[in-house]
Amino acid sequence: MRTTATQLALLGASMLLAGCSIFSSDSKVKPAELVPFAATAELPVAWQGSASKAGDFVFTPSVVEDSVFAAGHNGTIVRYDGGREVWRIATDEKLSGGVGTDGKLVAVGTPKGEVLAFDAETGKALWKVRVSSEVLAAPAVGEGLVVVRSGDSRIAGLDATDGKRRWVFQRAAPTLNLRSNVGVLLGQKVVVAGFPGGKLIAINNQTGAAIWEVAVALPKGATELERVADLTSSPVVQGRVICAAAFQGRVACFDIGTGNLIWSRDISSSAGIDMDDQRVYASDDKGSVHAFARDTGASVWKQDKLFMRGLTRPIALGRRVAVADFEGVVHLLNAEDGSFAARAKTDGSAIRAEPQRLGDGFVVQTRDGSVVALRPR
């Protein structure tokens, strides 16, 4: 492969990770300016806290009931209950991914490939183990496991008690793939993970054996760069339906038990999707938010007034859908037609981590480390 193609691929991957690229002030493609609208809802801040800056990484907060756990690159981990700070610790390690927790154990990862575990009640250190490479995603915690995805796409199932390795799952990766912070979805019996090359795989969470494997997207194009079709966002599940999105690929929904395809739509999304009982919502790579009928994949609406604003995945909130952008602005859309309902500003730095549901609202974490809980009304 030519060096120029390699350089372009690495540039594209670093853009996806660091959030610089087309959103810089000297870009030839300018993001859309925000225009006024007649608000039909309110989006007040319920409470606000802080972790630390993300640096070149993406830190996703974790929510258990009314507790929010957040971390930052300098090693800070903090717990908030109802907006009140319960504890804050300094790990003395540089961190590289968000927080995973089941409310009993908290796990984070480092650029050195270390996984650190702490008691969720007190913040006390419990154990430390090393996996195969840097940890860019928040570990998944539950079922007596800490499931960690490392930068080389290996997935390790660690015992939550002491960190001992139970199993490792790996697949051969294409020559080029995007460096992303996507983690895994941990259920009662399975771990579901997206892989480079557009694959979505269900893994037995006790043995590490594959249960089924499906193609969300098929690589296509004349060059290896054009053939990058990676799943860089988390899949979502409701009932027996699991949906996922691929960069330079499509949005597709499957039966979670069998892996059989229900429907698919061609759309490139590195940010991701969410769904409710009626629709699947997707942020595409040009800054449009789409709604598709959950059962058929038919287009319901498209909101294209956020062009190139570096959107997060959408989050479904009953009659509303929320999405955040590269200037730390949170947009509330009407779920029925995609029209703007409300807007809120945070600290002005990019929101790249996936918003997380919190009670009847949600929480976001900015690149500068603000942890902001919002409650639509």
Protein backbone atom coordinates (compact mmCIF):
# COMPACT_ATOMS: atom_id res chain seq x y z
CA MET A 1 0.00 0.00 0.00
CA ARG A 2 1.28 3.49 -0.83
CA THR A 3 2.58 5.66 2.01
CA THR A 4 0.17 8.44 1.06
CA ALA A 5 -2.82 6.18 1.64
CA THR A 6 -1.42 5.17 5.01
CA GLN A 7 -0.95 8.78 6.00
CA LEU A 8 -4.48 9.65 4.94
CA ALA A 9 -5.90 6.77 6.92
CA LEU A 10 -3.98 7.71 10.04
CA LEU A 11 -5.08 11.31 9.62
CA GLY A 12 -8.70 10.25 9.28
CA ALA A 13 -8.46 8.05 12.35
CA SER A 14 -6.85 10.77 14.45
CA MET A 15 -9.56 13.17 13.34
CA LEU A 16 -12.22 10.78 14.50
CA LEU A 17 -10.52 10.36 17.87
CA ALA A 18 -9.42 13.89 18.62
CA GLY A 19 -12.32 15.84 17.10
CA CYS A 20 -10.11 18.31 15.22
CA SER A 21 -10.33 17.87 11.41
CA ILE A 22 -13.07 19.71 9.61
CA PHE A 23 -14.20 21.60 12.68
CA SER A 24 -11.07 23.77 12.94
CA SER A 25 -11.28 27.43 12.06
CA ASP A 26 -9.15 27.08 8.88
CA SER A 27 -11.27 24.27 7.44
CA LYS A 28 -12.55 24.63 3.90
CA VAL A 29 -15.85 23.10 4.96
CA LYS A 30 -17.55 25.32 7.53
CA PRO A 31 -19.99 23.93 10.08
CA ALA A 32 -23.51 25.27 9.96
CA GLU A 33 -24.23 28.35 12.03
CA LEU A 34 -26.94 27.89 14.64
CA VAL A 35 -30.11 29.74 13.76
CA PRO A 36 -32.85 30.92 16.14
CA PHE A 37 -36.06 28.92 16.45
CA ALA A 38 -39.28 29.04 18.45
CA ALA A 39 -38.63 26.76 21.42
CA THR A 40 -41.38 24.28 22.30
CA ALA A 41 -39.59 22.83 25.34
CA GLU A 42 -36.98 23.73 27.95
CA LEU A 43 -33.59 22.12 28.56
CA PRO A 44 -32.36 23.33 31.96
CA VAL A 45 -29.18 22.15 33.69
CA ALA A 46 -30.13 19.99 36.67
CA TRP A 47 -26.58 19.99 38.08
CA GLN A 48 -22.99 20.37 36.93
CA GLY A 49 -19.69 18.90 38.13
CA SER A 50 -16.22 18.26 36.76
CA ALA A 51 -13.70 15.51 36.16
CA SER A 52 -10.62 16.62 34.22
CA LYS A 53 -9.78 17.33 30.59
CA ALA A 54 -9.94 14.50 28.08
CA GLY A 55 -6.80 15.35 26.13
CA ASP A 56 -6.72 13.27 22.94
CA PHE A 57 -9.13 10.68 24.33
CA VAL A 58 -12.89 10.33 24.77
CA PHE A 59 -14.25 9.89 28.30
CA THR A 60 -17.79 8.58 28.59
CA PRO A 61 -19.52 8.84 31.99
CA SER A 62 -21.38 5.88 33.47
CA VAL A 63 -24.77 5.96 35.22
CA VAL A 64 -26.29 3.61 37.80
CA GLU A 65 -29.67 4.87 39.08
CA ASP A 66 -28.92 8.46 40.22
CA SER A 67 -25.15 7.94 40.52
CA VAL A 68 -22.83 9.28 37.83
CA PHE A 69 -19.20 8.18 37.57
CA ALA A 70 -16.77 10.18 35.42
CA ALA A 71 -13.04 10.26 34.76
CA GLY A 72 -10.41 12.36 32.98
CA HIS A 73 -7.00 11.95 31.39
CA ASN A 74 -5.02 13.15 34.43
CA GLY A 75 -6.25 10.17 36.47
CA THR A 76 -9.22 11.74 38.26
CA ILE A 77 -12.28 9.58 38.93
CA VAL A 78 -15.33 11.12 40.60
CA ARG A 79 -18.74 9.92 41.77
CA TYR A 80 -21.83 12.13 41.96
CA ASP A 81 -25.12 11.08 43.57
CA GLY A 82 -27.98 13.37 42.55
CA GLY A 83 -25.38 16.00 41.68
CA ARG A 84 -23.62 15.77 45.06
CA GLU A 85 -19.96 14.77 44.96
CA VAL A 86 -19.55 11.57 47.00
CA TRP A 87 -15.86 10.91 46.39
CA ARG A 88 -13.02 11.99 44.13
CA ILE A 89 -9.76 10.07 43.73
CA ALA A 90 -6.48 10.59 41.91
CA THR A 91 -5.25 7.29 40.48
CA ASP A 92 -1.67 8.50 39.79
CA GLU A 93 -2.12 7.01 36.31
CA LYS A 94 -2.94 8.67 33.01
CA LEU A 95 -6.32 7.36 31.85
CA SER A 96 -7.49 6.85 28.29
CA GLY A 97 -11.13 5.74 28.43
CA GLY A 98 -14.34 6.37 30.28
CA VAL A 99 -15.75 4.66 33.34
CA GLY A 100 -17.49 1.31 33.52
CA THR A 101 -19.51 0.32 36.60
CA ASP A 102 -22.33 -1.85 37.86
CA GLY A 103 -22.72 0.24 41.02
CA LYS A 104 -20.43 -2.09 42.98
CA LEU A 105 -17.15 -1.94 41.06
CA VAL A 106 -15.68 0.87 38.95
CA ALA A 107 -13.21 0.12 36.14
CA VAL A 108 -11.09 2.38 33.93
CA GLY A 109 -8.27 1.84 31.43
CA THR A 110 -4.90 3.42 30.62
CA PRO A 111 -2.77 4.07 27.52
CA LYS A 112 -0.35 1.41 28.84
CA GLY A 113 -3.05 -1.25 28.58
CA GLU A 114 -3.74 -1.41 32.31
CA VAL A 115 -7.21 -1.92 33.78
CA LEU A 116 -7.79 -0.40 37.22
CA ALA A 117 -10.66 -1.44 39.48
CA PHE A 118 -12.08 0.44 42.48
CA ASP A 119 -14.85 -0.01 45.01
CA ALA A 120 -17.84 2.00 43.81
CA GLU A 121 -18.97 2.93 47.33
CA THR A 122 -15.66 4.27 48.63
CA GLY A 123 -13.31 4.70 45.66
CA LYS A 124 -10.83 2.30 47.27
CA ALA A 125 -8.39 0.63 44.85
CA LEU A 126 -9.08 -3.10 44.40
CA TRP A 127 -6.85 -4.49 41.65
CA LYS A 128 -4.81 -3.70 38.55
CA VAL A 129 -4.13 -5.95 35.53
CA ARG A 130 -2.66 -5.51 32.07
CA VAL A 131 -4.35 -6.39 28.77
CA SER A 132 -2.86 -6.60 25.28
CA SER A 133 -2.75 -2.87 24.36
CA GLU A 134 -4.09 0.59 25.21
CA VAL A 135 -7.65 0.80 26.50
CA LEU A 136 -9.59 3.49 24.65
CA ALA A 137 -13.13 2.49 25.66
CA ALA A 138 -14.96 2.34 28.96
CA PRO A 139 -14.91 -1.24 30.29
CA ALA A 140 -18.27 -2.98 30.66
CA VAL A 141 -18.97 -4.26 34.19
CA GLY A 142 -21.58 -6.84 35.21
CA GLU A 143 -22.34 -10.56 35.45
CA GLY A 144 -19.22 -10.96 37.62
CA LEU A 145 -17.11 -9.69 34.73
CA VAL A 146 -15.11 -6.68 33.62
CA VAL A 147 -15.11 -6.84 29.82
CA VAL A 148 -12.35 -4.75 28.26
CA ARG A 149 -11.79 -3.87 24.64
CA SER A 150 -8.19 -2.94 23.85
CA GLY A 151 -6.89 -0.88 20.95
CA ASP A 152 -5.94 -3.98 18.93
CA SER A 153 -9.64 -5.04 18.95
CA ARG A 154 -9.07 -7.88 21.38
CA ILE A 155 -11.82 -8.30 23.98
CA ALA A 156 -10.89 -9.69 27.39
CA GLY A 157 -13.29 -11.06 29.98
CA LEU A 158 -11.79 -10.44 33.42
CA ASP A 159 -13.06 -11.76 36.74
CA ALA A 160 -14.57 -8.83 38.64
CA THR A 161 -13.23 -10.17 41.95
CA ASP A 162 -9.51 -10.11 41.19
CA GLY A 163 -9.05 -9.20 37.52
CA LYS A 164 -7.89 -12.66 36.47
CA ARG A 165 -8.45 -13.35 32.79
CA ARG A 166 -11.30 -15.75 32.00
CA TRP A 167 -11.19 -15.50 28.22
CA VAL A 168 -9.98 -13.43 25.26
CA PHE A 169 -11.78 -12.99 21.94
CA GLN A 170 -10.07 -11.72 18.80
CA ARG A 171 -10.64 -11.50 15.06
CA ALA A 172 -8.19 -10.72 12.28
CA ALA A 173 -8.47 -7.01 11.43
CA PRO A 174 -8.24 -5.36 7.99
CA THR A 175 -5.02 -3.57 7.03
CA LEU A 176 -6.62 -0.22 7.82
CA ASN A 177 -9.09 0.47 10.62
CA LEU A 178 -10.15 3.48 12.66
CA ARG A 179 -8.78 4.09 16.13
CA SER A 180 -11.94 4.61 18.14
CA ASN A 181 -13.33 4.58 21.67
CA VAL A 182 -16.12 2.08 20.99
CA GLY A 183 -16.67 -0.44 23.76
CA VAL A 184 -18.93 -3.47 24.07
CA LEU A 185 -22.51 -4.18 25.09
CA LEU A 186 -22.71 -6.60 28.03
CA GLY A 187 -25.90 -8.59 28.61
CA GLN A 188 -26.97 -11.48 30.82
CA LYS A 189 -25.59 -14.14 28.49
CA VAL A 190 -23.72 -12.31 25.76
CA VAL A 191 -21.24 -9.62 24.93
CA VAL A 192 -22.01 -7.85 21.65
CA ALA A 193 -19.22 -5.97 19.90
CA GLY A 194 -18.59 -4.30 16.56
CA PHE A 195 -15.35 -4.96 14.71
CA PRO A 196 -13.31 -3.44 11.87
CA GLY A 197 -14.62 -4.56 8.51
CA GLY A 198 -18.25 -3.97 9.47
CA LYS A 199 -18.79 -7.09 11.61
CA LEU A 200 -21.11 -7.31 14.61
CA ILE A 201 -20.43 -10.36 16.79
CA ALA A 202 -22.26 -11.86 19.77
CA ILE A 203 -19.96 -13.63 22.25
CA ASN A 204 -20.84 -15.96 25.11
CA ASN A 205 -19.86 -13.93 28.18
CA GLN A 206 -18.83 -16.99 30.19
CA THR A 207 -16.67 -18.78 27.60
CA GLY A 208 -15.66 -16.12 25.08
CA ALA A 209 -16.97 -18.23 22.19
CA ALA A 210 -18.76 -16.59 19.25
CA ILE A 211 -22.52 -17.19 19.11
CA TRP A 212 -23.26 -15.42 15.85
CA GLU A 213 -21.59 -13.01 13.46
CA VAL A 214 -23.28 -10.63 11.00
CA ALA A 215 -22.17 -7.98 8.53
CA VAL A 216 -23.53 -4.53 9.31
CA ALA A 217 -21.57 -3.21 6.32
CA LEU A 218 -19.46 -4.73 3.57
CA PRO A 219 -16.18 -2.96 2.72
CA LYS A 220 -16.25 -1.54 -0.80
CA GLY A 221 -14.12 0.75 -2.92
CA ALA A 222 -10.96 0.75 -5.00
CA THR A 223 -8.50 1.66 -2.23
CA GLU A 224 -8.00 0.34 1.29
CA LEU A 225 -8.98 3.76 2.63
CA GLU A 226 -12.30 3.61 0.79
CA ARG A 227 -12.83 0.08 2.12
CA VAL A 228 -12.72 1.12 5.78
CA ALA A 229 -16.16 0.14 7.16
CA ASP A 230 -15.72 0.00 10.92
CA LEU A 231 -18.26 -0.05 13.73
CA THR A 232 -17.05 2.88 15.82
CA SER A 233 -20.14 3.30 17.99
CA SER A 234 -22.07 1.13 20.42
CA PRO A 235 -24.94 -1.10 19.24
CA VAL A 236 -28.34 -0.60 20.88
CA VAL A 237 -30.88 -3.20 21.96
CA GLN A 238 -34.60 -3.13 22.65
CA GLY A 239 -36.44 -6.39 23.14
CA ARG A 240 -35.22 -8.86 20.50
CA VAL A 241 -33.95 -6.14 18.17
CA ILE A 242 -30.32 -5.03 18.03
CA CYS A 243 -29.20 -2.22 15.73
CA ALA A 244 -25.75 -0.92 14.81
CA ALA A 245 -24.14 1.61 12.48
CA ALA A 246 -20.91 1.55 10.47
CA PHE A 247 -18.60 4.26 9.19
CA GLN A 248 -18.79 4.32 5.36
CA GLY A 249 -21.46 1.64 5.65
CA ARG A 250 -25.03 1.40 6.80
CA VAL A 251 -27.44 1.27 9.74
CA ALA A 252 -28.82 -2.23 10.20
CA CYS A 253 -31.12 -4.02 12.65
CA PHE A 254 -31.02 -7.74 13.49
CA ASP A 255 -32.78 -10.34 15.62
CA ILE A 256 -30.53 -10.56 18.69
CA GLY A 257 -31.18 -14.26 19.17
CA THR A 258 -30.34 -15.43 15.65
CA GLY A 259 -28.48 -12.57 14.01
CA ASN A 260 -31.00 -12.53 11.14
CA LEU A 261 -31.22 -9.19 9.31
CA ILE A 262 -34.47 -7.25 9.79
CA TRP A 263 -33.60 -4.19 7.68
CA SER A 264 -30.71 -1.95 6.66
CA ARG A 265 -30.19 1.55 5.26
CA ASP A 266 -27.11 2.96 3.58
CA ILE A 267 -25.71 5.70 5.81
CA SER A 268 -22.25 6.46 7.17
CA SER A 269 -22.18 7.00 10.92
CA SER A 270 -19.17 7.05 13.21
CA ALA A 271 -21.15 8.67 16.07
CA GLY A 272 -23.87 6.06 16.46
CA ILE A 273 -27.56 5.45 16.98
CA ASP A 274 -30.31 5.04 19.55
CA MET A 275 -33.87 3.76 19.42
CA ASP A 276 -37.20 3.73 21.19
CA ASP A 277 -40.25 1.53 20.61
CA GLN A 278 -41.12 3.33 17.36
CA ARG A 279 -37.98 4.67 15.72
CA VAL A 280 -34.23 4.28 15.27
CA TYR A 281 -32.28 7.56 15.38
CA ALA A 282 -28.87 8.02 13.74
CA SER A 283 -26.33 10.85 13.47
CA ASP A 284 -24.55 10.67 10.13
CA ASP A 285 -21.03 11.86 9.35
CA LYS A 286 -22.24 15.06 7.68
CA GLY A 287 -24.18 16.24 10.72
CA SER A 288 -27.71 15.15 9.84
CA VAL A 289 -29.94 13.34 12.33
CA HIS A 290 -32.18 10.66 10.80
CA ALA A 291 -35.22 8.83 12.14
CA PHE A 292 -36.22 5.44 10.72
CA ALA A 293 -39.22 3.28 11.49
CA ARG A 294 -37.96 0.63 13.91
CA ASP A 295 -39.85 -2.25 12.32
CA THR A 296 -39.23 -1.51 8.63
CA GLY A 297 -36.38 1.00 8.32
CA ALA A 298 -38.56 3.45 6.39
CA SER A 299 -37.43 7.08 6.61
CA VAL A 300 -39.53 9.14 9.03
CA TRP A 301 -37.62 12.44 9.07
CA LYS A 302 -34.21 14.05 8.61
CA GLN A 303 -32.83 17.09 10.47
CA ASP A 304 -30.05 18.61 8.32
CA LYS A 305 -29.56 22.00 10.01
CA LEU A 306 -26.52 20.78 12.02
CA PHE A 307 -24.24 20.26 9.03
CA MET A 308 -20.69 19.29 9.97
CA ARG A 309 -21.12 20.13 13.66
CA GLY A 310 -19.48 16.89 14.82
CA LEU A 311 -22.57 15.36 16.39
CA THR A 312 -22.67 12.73 19.11
CA ARG A 313 -25.00 9.79 18.84
CA PRO A 314 -28.64 10.77 19.45
CA ILE A 315 -30.34 9.75 22.68
CA ALA A 316 -34.08 9.01 22.71
CA LEU A 317 -36.00 10.65 25.55
CA GLY A 318 -39.68 9.89 25.06
CA ARG A 319 -41.16 12.72 22.99
CA ARG A 320 -37.68 14.22 22.45
CA VAL A 321 -34.30 13.28 21.03
CA ALA A 322 -31.08 14.93 22.22
CA VAL A 323 -27.77 15.29 20.40
CA ALA A 324 -24.64 17.35 21.23
CA ASP A 325 -21.96 18.95 19.06
CA PHE A 326 -18.36 20.15 18.73
CA GLU A 327 -19.04 23.46 20.50
CA GLY A 328 -20.60 21.86 23.57
CA VAL A 329 -24.12 22.75 22.48
CA VAL A 330 -26.90 20.27 23.26
CA HIS A 331 -29.85 20.20 20.86
CA LEU A 332 -33.28 18.85 21.77
CA LEU A 333 -35.38 17.66 18.82
CA ASN A 334 -39.01 16.64 18.63
CA ALA A 335 -39.14 12.87 18.10
CA GLU A 336 -42.18 13.08 15.82
CA ASP A 337 -40.73 15.33 13.13
CA GLY A 338 -37.10 16.23 14.03
CA SER A 339 -37.83 19.93 14.53
CA PHE A 340 -35.82 21.85 17.13
CA ALA A 341 -37.49 21.97 20.55
CA ALA A 342 -34.80 23.48 22.80
CA ARG A 343 -31.07 24.16 23.03
CA ALA A 344 -28.55 24.39 25.89
CA LYS A 345 -24.90 25.42 26.08
CA THR A 346 -22.26 23.80 28.27
CA ASP A 347 -18.64 24.96 28.62
CA GLY A 348 -17.97 25.57 24.90
CA SER A 349 -15.70 22.54 24.40
CA ALA A 350 -16.64 19.57 22.25
CA ILE A 351 -18.95 16.84 23.48
CA ARG A 352 -17.74 13.64 21.85
CA ALA A 353 -18.70 11.06 24.45
CA GLU A 354 -22.07 9.37 24.08
CA PRO A 355 -24.78 11.06 26.20
CA GLN A 356 -26.07 8.79 28.97
CA ARG A 357 -29.62 8.55 30.32
CA LEU A 358 -30.06 9.76 33.89
CA GLY A 359 -33.54 9.45 35.39
CA ASP A 360 -35.89 11.51 33.25
CA GLY A 361 -32.96 13.36 31.68
CA PHE A 362 -29.41 12.69 30.59
CA VAL A 363 -25.79 13.56 31.31
CA VAL A 364 -22.98 14.67 29.00
CA GLN A 365 -19.23 15.06 29.52
CA THR A 366 -17.26 17.69 27.62
CA ARG A 367 -13.71 17.57 26.35
CA ASP A 368 -12.71 20.11 29.03
CA GLY A 369 -14.09 17.81 31.74
CA SER A 370 -17.46 19.33 32.62
CA VAL A 371 -20.08 16.78 33.67
CA VAL A 372 -23.51 18.26 32.98
CA ALA A 373 -26.89 16.75 33.82
CA LEU A 374 -29.84 18.11 31.84
CA ARG A 375 -33.53 17.51 32.36
CA PRO A 376 -35.88 18.32 29.45
CA ARG A 377 -39.32 19.66 30.21
